[in-house]
Amino acid sequence: MNHTLPAAETQRSSPGASAPTSNDGHGRFSKASAAAVLVCWLLVVFDGYDLIVYGTVQSSLITETGWGLTKATAGTVGSMAFLGMMIGAIFAGRMADSWGRRRTILGCAIVFSVFTVLCAFAPNAAVFGALRLLAGIGLGGLVPSANALVAELVPAKWRSIVATLMMSGVPIGGSIAALVGIQLIPAFGWQSMFLVAVLALVIVVPLGLKYLPETLAPAGKAASKTATETVAAKEPSGFSLLLRAPYLGISMLFAVATIATLFAWYGLGTWLPNLMQLAGYNLGSALTFALALNLGAVAGSVITAWAGTRFGPIPTAIAAAAVAAVALVVLVSGPSVSIVYLMLVLAGVGTHGTQCLIIAAVASHYPAHLRGTALGWALGTGRIGAVVAPQVGGLLLAAGLGVNSNFLAFAGAAGIAAVLLAAVGINLKSKLSTSRTIPTTGVSNV
């Protein structure tokens, strides 16, 4: 399943930047490439922190601010960041292909950090929601841009595992949010959780300025390109290309599978602490359940990285989504506390692991000139699931359907993702069979 992309993906670097290593399948990591990947990973950690931080403060916002939030309106506010992420992911992927990875990554990091810090000073729910929307634009733009850059710095044979491991930054950031919340919220209030984002501005962004290379040749440098690079640069790109043959079917399947996966992952991330409090646990215990979910997601990043390389990202993603669905159904039966922790770990392994594998599959199955756009398309449209999930969770609770209604909804989404990914696998096998019988033009058609 994990095809090696053609020679048209030979790396291009801009003058003055650290030259990235070749990703032709035979290259090795240079120190410059390793440093750039590490910086991208650190930014993804902050991305994950900013995504999960709302779930850690949601109860405080409802009970302590006097903003008049209900469970339903709190879900709507929670969706604002994901709405921004949808906008950011779609357009930043295209920007990364047009303007350059480095510039887009750093711009997105500055945007999400500044507006996350400003959330601490929001006077009411409307302003808070607007700030979360703006922060979400930066959050959503960072991941596809960073993945596109990393895919061009890493040898092709390592692309799947590195893309998956890099995405471990999301649950690691979420785990940090849960751990920090246990200490900071009782001592300094919910506002302190958003001030943590200033560290990205003063530490990681300067590191990015120093270590991130530009992998796309700037305009006007065509004369210095190889013949292969010139052909690749002239290839048509953009969303219109993704939505017509030969990319249409696989692009739609990747998008809808991502919608279902992110519905389950971000629904849990947003509502789990509140759900566990409604089930009778105090805030500290509820946050440890959130920690279990995120630590499971970290473990899932490692496990699925190995399994994705060994068995292929799509078959592994199908198994991961099925594991998540089963684990969430088990929670409905009201098991013992130890089983609850175990099921939440498995839910983290399955939901986040599935998303990591989808990213790895997209990065591997599109040609270089479409990679950022394809990642932006999958993650951007996938944010529909992230936008809807907090609202659905809140509406189910407001309707009096109880905690289990949320677990069933998220389990159903994970099950749907498994079915859709099976369809992706069938589609890719069909493409592979066709490519073996029909001469290609040098550009991957899946």
Protein backbone atom coordinates (compact mmCIF):
# COMPACT_ATOMS: atom_id res chain seq x y z
CA MET A 1 0.00 0.00 0.00
CA ASN A 2 2.82 2.41 0.83
CA HIS A 3 4.01 3.31 -2.66
CA THR A 4 7.29 5.03 -3.25
CA LEU A 5 6.65 8.24 -5.11
CA PRO A 6 8.37 8.88 -8.45
CA ALA A 7 11.45 10.89 -9.21
CA ALA A 8 9.42 14.04 -9.65
CA GLU A 9 9.55 14.37 -5.91
CA THR A 10 13.28 14.98 -5.73
CA GLN A 11 13.91 17.68 -3.13
CA ARG A 12 14.20 21.32 -3.98
CA SER A 13 15.74 23.75 -1.55
CA SER A 14 16.04 27.48 -1.51
CA PRO A 15 19.37 29.27 -1.31
CA GLY A 16 20.47 30.08 2.21
CA ALA A 17 18.37 27.34 3.82
CA SER A 18 19.64 24.08 5.20
CA ALA A 19 19.44 21.69 2.31
CA PRO A 20 17.00 18.89 2.95
CA THR A 21 17.99 15.31 2.45
CA SER A 22 16.82 13.37 -0.57
CA ASN A 23 13.66 11.37 -0.13
CA ASP A 24 14.32 9.01 -2.99
CA GLY A 25 14.25 6.04 -0.64
CA HIS A 26 18.04 5.73 -0.35
CA GLY A 27 18.98 8.95 1.45
CA ARG A 28 19.78 9.35 5.10
CA PHE A 29 18.78 11.97 7.62
CA SER A 30 21.13 14.93 7.74
CA LYS A 31 21.52 16.87 10.99
CA ALA A 32 19.77 19.84 9.38
CA SER A 33 16.79 17.69 8.39
CA ALA A 34 16.60 16.10 11.84
CA ALA A 35 16.59 19.53 13.47
CA ALA A 36 13.81 20.72 11.17
CA VAL A 37 11.70 17.63 11.89
CA LEU A 38 12.19 18.16 15.63
CA VAL A 39 11.05 21.78 15.39
CA CYS A 40 7.96 20.71 13.45
CA TRP A 41 7.25 18.10 16.11
CA LEU A 42 7.53 20.67 18.90
CA LEU A 43 5.07 22.91 17.08
CA VAL A 44 2.67 19.99 16.75
CA VAL A 45 2.98 19.45 20.53
CA PHE A 46 1.77 23.01 21.10
CA ASP A 47 -0.90 22.44 18.46
CA GLY A 48 -2.10 19.43 20.48
CA TYR A 49 -2.00 21.38 23.72
CA ASP A 50 -4.11 24.17 22.29
CA LEU A 51 -6.62 21.69 20.88
CA ILE A 52 -7.19 19.83 24.15
CA VAL A 53 -6.93 22.79 26.51
CA TYR A 54 -10.59 23.72 26.02
CA GLY A 55 -11.70 20.33 27.31
CA THR A 56 -9.71 20.87 30.50
CA VAL A 57 -11.30 24.26 31.25
CA GLN A 58 -14.81 23.62 29.96
CA SER A 59 -16.31 22.87 33.39
CA SER A 60 -14.71 26.01 34.80
CA LEU A 61 -16.09 28.13 31.99
CA ILE A 62 -19.60 26.80 32.67
CA THR A 63 -19.52 27.20 36.46
CA GLU A 64 -17.12 30.05 37.24
CA THR A 65 -17.18 32.72 34.54
CA GLY A 66 -20.74 33.97 34.78
CA TRP A 67 -20.97 33.87 30.99
CA GLY A 68 -24.22 31.93 31.08
CA LEU A 69 -22.83 28.91 29.26
CA THR A 70 -24.92 25.73 29.15
CA LYS A 71 -23.79 22.29 28.01
CA ALA A 72 -25.18 23.00 24.55
CA THR A 73 -23.62 26.47 24.20
CA ALA A 74 -20.34 25.22 25.67
CA GLY A 75 -20.28 22.66 22.87
CA THR A 76 -20.81 25.44 20.32
CA VAL A 77 -17.94 27.46 21.79
CA GLY A 78 -15.79 24.33 21.71
CA SER A 79 -16.55 23.94 18.01
CA MET A 80 -15.22 27.39 17.14
CA ALA A 81 -11.57 26.33 17.24
CA PHE A 82 -12.36 23.36 15.02
CA LEU A 83 -14.21 25.57 12.57
CA GLY A 84 -11.11 27.74 12.38
CA MET A 85 -9.00 24.62 11.91
CA MET A 86 -11.12 23.60 8.95
CA ILE A 87 -10.52 26.98 7.32
CA GLY A 88 -6.83 26.97 8.18
CA ALA A 89 -6.15 23.42 7.01
CA ILE A 90 -7.82 23.88 3.63
CA PHE A 91 -6.12 27.14 2.74
CA ALA A 92 -2.75 26.65 4.44
CA GLY A 93 -2.16 23.41 2.54
CA ARG A 94 -2.63 25.30 -0.71
CA MET A 95 -0.51 28.20 0.59
CA ALA A 96 2.27 25.78 1.54
CA ASP A 97 2.34 24.46 -2.03
CA SER A 98 2.31 27.99 -3.49
CA TRP A 99 4.19 30.24 -1.05
CA GLY A 100 6.45 27.73 0.69
CA ARG A 101 6.30 25.39 3.67
CA ARG A 102 8.53 27.38 6.01
CA ARG A 103 6.68 30.67 5.71
CA THR A 104 3.29 29.01 6.15
CA ILE A 105 4.37 26.95 9.18
CA LEU A 106 5.83 29.91 11.03
CA GLY A 107 2.88 32.13 10.19
CA CYS A 108 0.42 29.56 11.49
CA ALA A 109 2.44 29.06 14.68
CA ILE A 110 2.42 32.78 15.43
CA VAL A 111 -1.33 33.05 14.75
CA PHE A 112 -2.40 30.20 17.02
CA SER A 113 -0.03 31.23 19.83
CA VAL A 114 -1.10 34.90 19.90
CA PHE A 115 -4.83 34.23 19.82
CA THR A 116 -4.58 31.40 22.36
CA VAL A 117 -2.85 33.72 24.82
CA LEU A 118 -5.53 36.36 24.23
CA CYS A 119 -8.21 33.81 25.24
CA ALA A 120 -7.05 34.25 28.85
CA PHE A 121 -8.29 37.85 28.74
CA ALA A 122 -11.65 37.25 27.05
CA PRO A 123 -14.44 39.24 28.81
CA ASN A 124 -17.34 37.09 27.59
CA ALA A 125 -18.24 33.93 25.69
CA ALA A 126 -18.63 35.70 22.33
CA VAL A 127 -15.12 37.18 22.41
CA PHE A 128 -13.69 33.91 23.73
CA GLY A 129 -15.32 31.99 20.87
CA ALA A 130 -14.03 34.48 18.29
CA LEU A 131 -10.49 34.18 19.65
CA ARG A 132 -10.72 30.39 19.57
CA LEU A 133 -11.87 30.61 15.94
CA LEU A 134 -8.85 32.74 15.01
CA ALA A 135 -6.47 30.50 16.95
CA GLY A 136 -8.01 27.53 15.18
CA ILE A 137 -7.05 28.94 11.77
CA GLY A 138 -3.41 28.76 12.81
CA LEU A 139 -3.84 25.37 14.47
CA GLY A 140 -5.47 23.88 11.38
CA GLY A 141 -2.89 25.29 9.00
CA LEU A 142 0.12 24.04 10.90
CA VAL A 143 -0.35 20.27 10.63
CA PRO A 144 -0.71 19.86 6.84
CA SER A 145 2.08 22.37 6.22
CA ALA A 146 4.43 20.69 8.69
CA ASN A 147 3.62 17.24 7.32
CA ALA A 148 4.27 18.41 3.77
CA LEU A 149 7.67 19.80 4.82
CA VAL A 150 8.64 16.69 6.79
CA ALA A 151 7.63 14.41 3.91
CA GLU A 152 10.15 16.26 1.73
CA LEU A 153 12.95 16.03 4.29
CA VAL A 154 12.59 12.32 4.98
CA PRO A 155 13.70 9.42 2.74
CA ALA A 156 10.64 7.80 1.16
CA LYS A 157 11.09 4.50 3.00
CA TRP A 158 10.79 6.36 6.35
CA ARG A 159 8.02 8.76 5.36
CA SER A 160 5.12 6.77 6.83
CA ILE A 161 6.76 6.10 10.20
CA VAL A 162 8.09 9.65 10.64
CA ALA A 163 4.75 11.23 9.69
CA THR A 164 3.01 9.01 12.23
CA LEU A 165 5.57 9.62 14.99
CA MET A 166 5.50 13.36 14.39
CA MET A 167 1.76 13.35 14.98
CA SER A 168 2.42 11.89 18.43
CA GLY A 169 2.95 15.55 19.31
CA VAL A 170 -0.84 16.07 19.31
CA PRO A 171 -1.65 13.66 22.17
CA ILE A 172 1.58 14.54 23.97
CA GLY A 173 0.39 18.14 23.93
CA GLY A 174 -3.02 16.94 25.12
CA SER A 175 -1.38 14.95 27.92
CA ILE A 176 0.54 18.04 28.97
CA ALA A 177 -2.71 20.01 29.02
CA ALA A 178 -4.31 17.43 31.33
CA LEU A 179 -1.27 17.26 33.63
CA VAL A 180 -0.83 21.02 33.76
CA GLY A 181 -4.55 21.50 34.32
CA ILE A 182 -4.55 19.33 37.44
CA GLN A 183 -2.07 21.77 39.00
CA LEU A 184 -2.78 25.14 37.40
CA ILE A 185 -6.58 25.35 37.34
CA PRO A 186 -7.13 24.97 41.12
CA ALA A 187 -4.17 27.24 41.91
CA PHE A 188 -4.38 29.99 39.27
CA GLY A 189 -7.70 29.60 37.48
CA TRP A 190 -8.63 28.54 33.95
CA GLN A 191 -6.97 31.59 32.41
CA SER A 192 -3.50 30.26 33.25
CA MET A 193 -4.01 27.33 30.87
CA PHE A 194 -4.09 29.65 27.86
CA LEU A 195 -1.06 31.67 28.94
CA VAL A 196 1.10 28.56 28.49
CA ALA A 197 0.93 29.14 24.72
CA VAL A 198 3.34 32.06 25.09
CA LEU A 199 6.12 29.46 25.30
CA ALA A 200 5.60 28.61 21.64
CA LEU A 201 6.16 32.24 20.71
CA VAL A 202 9.32 32.78 22.74
CA ILE A 203 10.96 29.36 22.30
CA VAL A 204 9.75 27.28 19.35
CA VAL A 205 9.07 29.99 16.75
CA PRO A 206 12.65 31.35 17.06
CA LEU A 207 13.94 27.79 16.65
CA GLY A 208 11.81 27.52 13.51
CA LEU A 209 13.31 30.69 12.11
CA LYS A 210 16.74 29.18 12.57
CA TYR A 211 16.27 25.55 11.57
CA LEU A 212 13.33 25.23 9.17
CA PRO A 213 14.43 25.08 5.50
CA GLU A 214 12.33 25.92 2.47
CA THR A 215 11.88 22.88 0.26
CA LEU A 216 10.08 24.54 -2.64
CA ALA A 217 12.15 26.53 -5.13
CA PRO A 218 11.18 30.21 -5.20
CA ALA A 219 9.68 31.76 -8.31
CA GLY A 220 12.21 32.81 -10.91
CA LYS A 221 14.69 30.04 -10.13
CA ALA A 222 13.47 27.64 -12.77
CA ALA A 223 16.73 27.87 -14.66
CA SER A 224 18.59 26.15 -11.84
CA LYS A 225 16.18 23.23 -11.67
CA THR A 226 16.75 19.83 -13.12
CA ALA A 227 14.59 18.73 -16.02
CA THR A 228 12.55 16.50 -13.69
CA GLU A 229 11.97 19.38 -11.26
CA THR A 230 10.87 21.65 -14.08
CA VAL A 231 8.29 19.11 -15.23
CA ALA A 232 7.02 18.73 -11.66
CA ALA A 233 6.79 22.50 -11.23
CA LYS A 234 4.65 22.76 -14.37
CA GLU A 235 2.21 20.09 -13.17
CA PRO A 236 -1.23 21.55 -12.50
CA SER A 237 -2.11 21.79 -8.83
CA GLY A 238 -4.91 22.97 -6.58
CA PHE A 239 -8.18 21.63 -5.24
CA SER A 240 -9.73 21.40 -8.71
CA LEU A 241 -7.16 18.74 -9.62
CA LEU A 242 -7.95 16.73 -6.49
CA LEU A 243 -11.62 16.70 -7.40
CA ARG A 244 -11.32 15.21 -10.86
CA ALA A 245 -9.94 11.99 -12.33
CA PRO A 246 -7.77 10.26 -11.41
CA TYR A 247 -7.83 11.70 -7.87
CA LEU A 248 -11.55 12.29 -7.22
CA GLY A 249 -12.53 8.95 -5.69
CA ILE A 250 -9.58 8.61 -3.35
CA SER A 251 -9.74 12.29 -2.34
CA MET A 252 -13.39 11.96 -1.32
CA LEU A 253 -12.79 8.73 0.60
CA PHE A 254 -9.83 10.21 2.49
CA ALA A 255 -11.91 13.29 3.35
CA VAL A 256 -14.97 11.42 4.64
CA ALA A 257 -12.84 8.92 6.59
CA THR A 258 -11.07 11.86 8.22
CA ILE A 259 -14.42 13.46 9.11
CA ALA A 260 -15.51 10.31 10.94
CA THR A 261 -12.13 9.86 12.66
CA LEU A 262 -11.89 13.44 13.87
CA PHE A 263 -15.49 13.33 15.07
CA ALA A 264 -14.52 10.50 17.43
CA TRP A 265 -11.11 11.90 18.48
CA TYR A 266 -12.03 15.52 19.08
CA GLY A 267 -15.45 14.65 20.49
CA LEU A 268 -13.70 12.66 23.17
CA GLY A 269 -11.02 15.30 23.65
CA THR A 270 -13.61 18.04 24.15
CA TRP A 271 -16.14 16.25 26.34
CA LEU A 272 -14.33 13.49 28.24
CA PRO A 273 -13.43 15.47 31.41
CA ASN A 274 -16.97 16.82 31.62
CA LEU A 275 -18.48 13.40 30.91
CA MET A 276 -16.47 11.82 33.72
CA GLN A 277 -17.52 14.58 36.11
CA LEU A 278 -21.14 13.94 35.16
CA ALA A 279 -20.47 10.27 35.91
CA GLY A 280 -19.55 11.23 39.46
CA TYR A 281 -15.80 11.84 39.43
CA ASN A 282 -14.15 15.04 40.70
CA LEU A 283 -12.16 17.35 38.43
CA GLY A 284 -8.79 15.79 39.29
CA SER A 285 -10.01 12.28 38.54
CA ALA A 286 -11.78 13.44 35.37
CA LEU A 287 -8.55 14.95 34.09
CA THR A 288 -6.67 11.70 34.78
CA PHE A 289 -9.15 9.96 32.49
CA ALA A 290 -8.33 12.57 29.84
CA LEU A 291 -4.66 11.87 30.50
CA ALA A 292 -5.26 8.14 29.91
CA LEU A 293 -6.91 8.92 26.57
CA ASN A 294 -4.01 11.08 25.46
CA LEU A 295 -1.31 8.71 26.71
CA GLY A 296 -3.09 5.99 24.74
CA ALA A 297 -2.89 8.26 21.72
CA VAL A 298 0.85 8.71 22.28
CA ALA A 299 1.28 4.94 22.48
CA GLY A 300 -0.91 4.63 19.42
CA SER A 301 1.41 6.90 17.48
CA VAL A 302 4.33 4.55 18.16
CA ILE A 303 2.40 1.32 17.67
CA THR A 304 0.71 2.43 14.47
CA ALA A 305 3.97 3.86 13.12
CA TRP A 306 5.55 0.41 13.37
CA ALA A 307 2.46 -1.43 12.18
CA GLY A 308 1.86 1.03 9.35
CA THR A 309 5.37 0.45 8.03
CA ARG A 310 5.07 -3.32 8.48
CA PHE A 311 1.54 -3.88 7.14
CA GLY A 312 0.76 -0.63 5.30
CA PRO A 313 -1.00 2.48 6.64
CA ILE A 314 -4.48 1.64 5.35
CA PRO A 315 -4.83 -1.94 6.73
CA THR A 316 -3.42 -0.73 10.05
CA ALA A 317 -5.80 2.23 10.10
CA ILE A 318 -8.78 -0.10 9.58
CA ALA A 319 -7.71 -2.19 12.57
CA ALA A 320 -7.07 0.90 14.72
CA ALA A 321 -10.49 2.39 14.00
CA ALA A 322 -12.16 -0.93 14.84
CA VAL A 323 -10.27 -1.11 18.16
CA ALA A 324 -11.48 2.38 19.06
CA ALA A 325 -15.08 1.52 18.23
CA VAL A 326 -15.04 -1.63 20.39
CA ALA A 327 -13.35 0.14 23.32
CA LEU A 328 -15.94 2.93 23.38
CA VAL A 329 -18.82 0.43 23.24
CA VAL A 330 -17.34 -1.37 26.26
CA LEU A 331 -17.50 1.90 28.24
CA VAL A 332 -21.27 1.91 27.85
CA SER A 333 -21.52 -1.28 29.94
CA GLY A 334 -20.32 0.55 33.05
CA PRO A 335 -17.13 -1.46 33.72
CA SER A 336 -14.82 -1.10 36.72
CA VAL A 337 -12.50 1.88 36.99
CA SER A 338 -9.48 -0.15 35.86
CA ILE A 339 -11.34 -1.29 32.74
CA VAL A 340 -12.43 2.29 32.08
CA TYR A 341 -8.80 3.38 32.07
CA LEU A 342 -7.84 0.51 29.77
CA MET A 343 -10.67 1.24 27.33
CA LEU A 344 -9.77 4.94 27.22
CA VAL A 345 -6.16 4.04 26.45
CA LEU A 346 -7.36 1.78 23.62
CA ALA A 347 -9.72 4.51 22.39
CA GLY A 348 -6.74 6.89 22.28
CA VAL A 349 -4.64 4.31 20.45
CA GLY A 350 -7.39 3.74 17.91
CA THR A 351 -8.75 7.21 17.22
CA HIS A 352 -5.50 9.16 17.07
CA GLY A 353 -3.63 6.25 15.51
CA THR A 354 -6.17 6.13 12.70
CA GLN A 355 -5.72 9.81 11.98
CA CYS A 356 -1.92 9.52 11.96
CA LEU A 357 -2.15 6.67 9.47
CA ILE A 358 -4.51 8.60 7.21
CA ILE A 359 -1.98 11.45 7.14
CA ALA A 360 0.81 8.99 6.31
CA ALA A 361 -1.28 7.45 3.53
CA VAL A 362 -2.12 10.83 2.00
CA ALA A 363 1.53 11.92 2.14
CA SER A 364 2.55 8.71 0.36
CA HIS A 365 -0.14 8.49 -2.32
CA TYR A 366 -0.03 11.96 -3.89
CA PRO A 367 2.77 13.48 -5.98
CA ALA A 368 4.94 16.25 -4.50
CA HIS A 369 3.24 19.18 -6.22
CA LEU A 370 -0.11 18.10 -4.72
CA ARG A 371 1.01 16.84 -1.30
CA GLY A 372 0.38 19.98 0.74
CA THR A 373 -2.92 20.59 -1.03
CA ALA A 374 -4.02 16.97 -0.52
CA LEU A 375 -3.13 17.06 3.18
CA GLY A 376 -4.95 20.36 3.54
CA TRP A 377 -7.99 18.91 1.74
CA ALA A 378 -8.17 15.78 3.90
CA LEU A 379 -7.52 17.55 7.20
CA GLY A 380 -9.55 20.63 6.29
CA THR A 381 -12.70 18.82 5.23
CA GLY A 382 -12.09 16.35 8.05
CA ARG A 383 -12.47 19.21 10.51
CA ILE A 384 -16.18 19.09 9.76
CA GLY A 385 -16.20 16.12 12.13
CA ALA A 386 -14.25 18.09 14.72
CA VAL A 387 -16.64 21.05 14.39
CA VAL A 388 -19.77 18.92 14.71
CA ALA A 389 -18.59 16.59 17.50
CA PRO A 390 -18.57 19.09 20.42
CA GLN A 391 -22.01 20.34 19.42
CA VAL A 392 -23.44 16.83 19.08
CA GLY A 393 -22.00 15.88 22.47
CA GLY A 394 -23.55 18.93 24.11
CA LEU A 395 -26.92 18.45 22.42
CA LEU A 396 -27.08 14.79 23.47
CA LEU A 397 -26.43 15.77 27.08
CA ALA A 398 -28.86 18.68 26.93
CA ALA A 399 -31.52 16.29 25.62
CA GLY A 400 -31.09 14.17 28.75
CA LEU A 401 -29.68 11.14 26.92
CA GLY A 402 -26.81 10.77 29.37
CA VAL A 403 -23.11 10.11 29.24
CA ASN A 404 -23.43 6.83 27.32
CA SER A 405 -25.03 8.61 24.36
CA ASN A 406 -21.73 10.38 23.77
CA PHE A 407 -19.70 7.19 23.94
CA LEU A 408 -22.06 5.48 21.49
CA ALA A 409 -21.92 8.41 19.07
CA PHE A 410 -18.12 8.43 19.09
CA ALA A 411 -17.97 4.62 18.79
CA GLY A 412 -20.28 4.77 15.78
CA ALA A 413 -18.02 7.33 14.10
CA ALA A 414 -14.95 5.13 14.65
CA GLY A 415 -16.82 2.16 13.14
CA ILE A 416 -17.80 4.22 10.11
CA ALA A 417 -14.17 5.28 9.69
CA ALA A 418 -13.11 1.61 9.58
CA VAL A 419 -15.62 0.90 6.80
CA LEU A 420 -14.56 3.96 4.79
CA LEU A 421 -10.89 3.07 5.10
CA ALA A 422 -11.67 -0.41 3.82
CA ALA A 423 -13.12 1.34 0.76
CA VAL A 424 -9.89 3.38 0.48
CA GLY A 425 -7.90 0.14 0.48
CA ILE A 426 -10.06 -1.32 -2.30
CA ASN A 427 -9.67 1.88 -4.33
CA LEU A 428 -5.87 1.88 -3.94
CA LYS A 429 -5.63 -1.78 -4.93
CA SER A 430 -7.60 -0.97 -8.05
CA LYS A 431 -5.29 1.94 -8.86
CA LEU A 432 -2.22 -0.23 -8.29
CA SER A 433 -3.56 -2.94 -10.60
CA THR A 434 -4.26 -0.33 -13.28
CA SER A 435 -0.79 1.22 -12.96
CA ARG A 436 0.80 -2.19 -13.51
CA THR A 437 -0.97 -2.64 -16.81
CA ILE A 438 -1.04 0.92 -18.17
CA PRO A 439 2.18 2.94 -18.72
CA THR A 440 2.41 5.96 -16.40
CA THR A 441 3.59 9.48 -17.15
CA GLY A 442 5.89 9.72 -14.14
CA VAL A 443 3.37 11.05 -11.65
CA SER A 444 1.60 8.87 -9.10
CA ASN A 445 -2.11 8.66 -9.75
CA VAL A 446 -3.28 7.71 -6.26
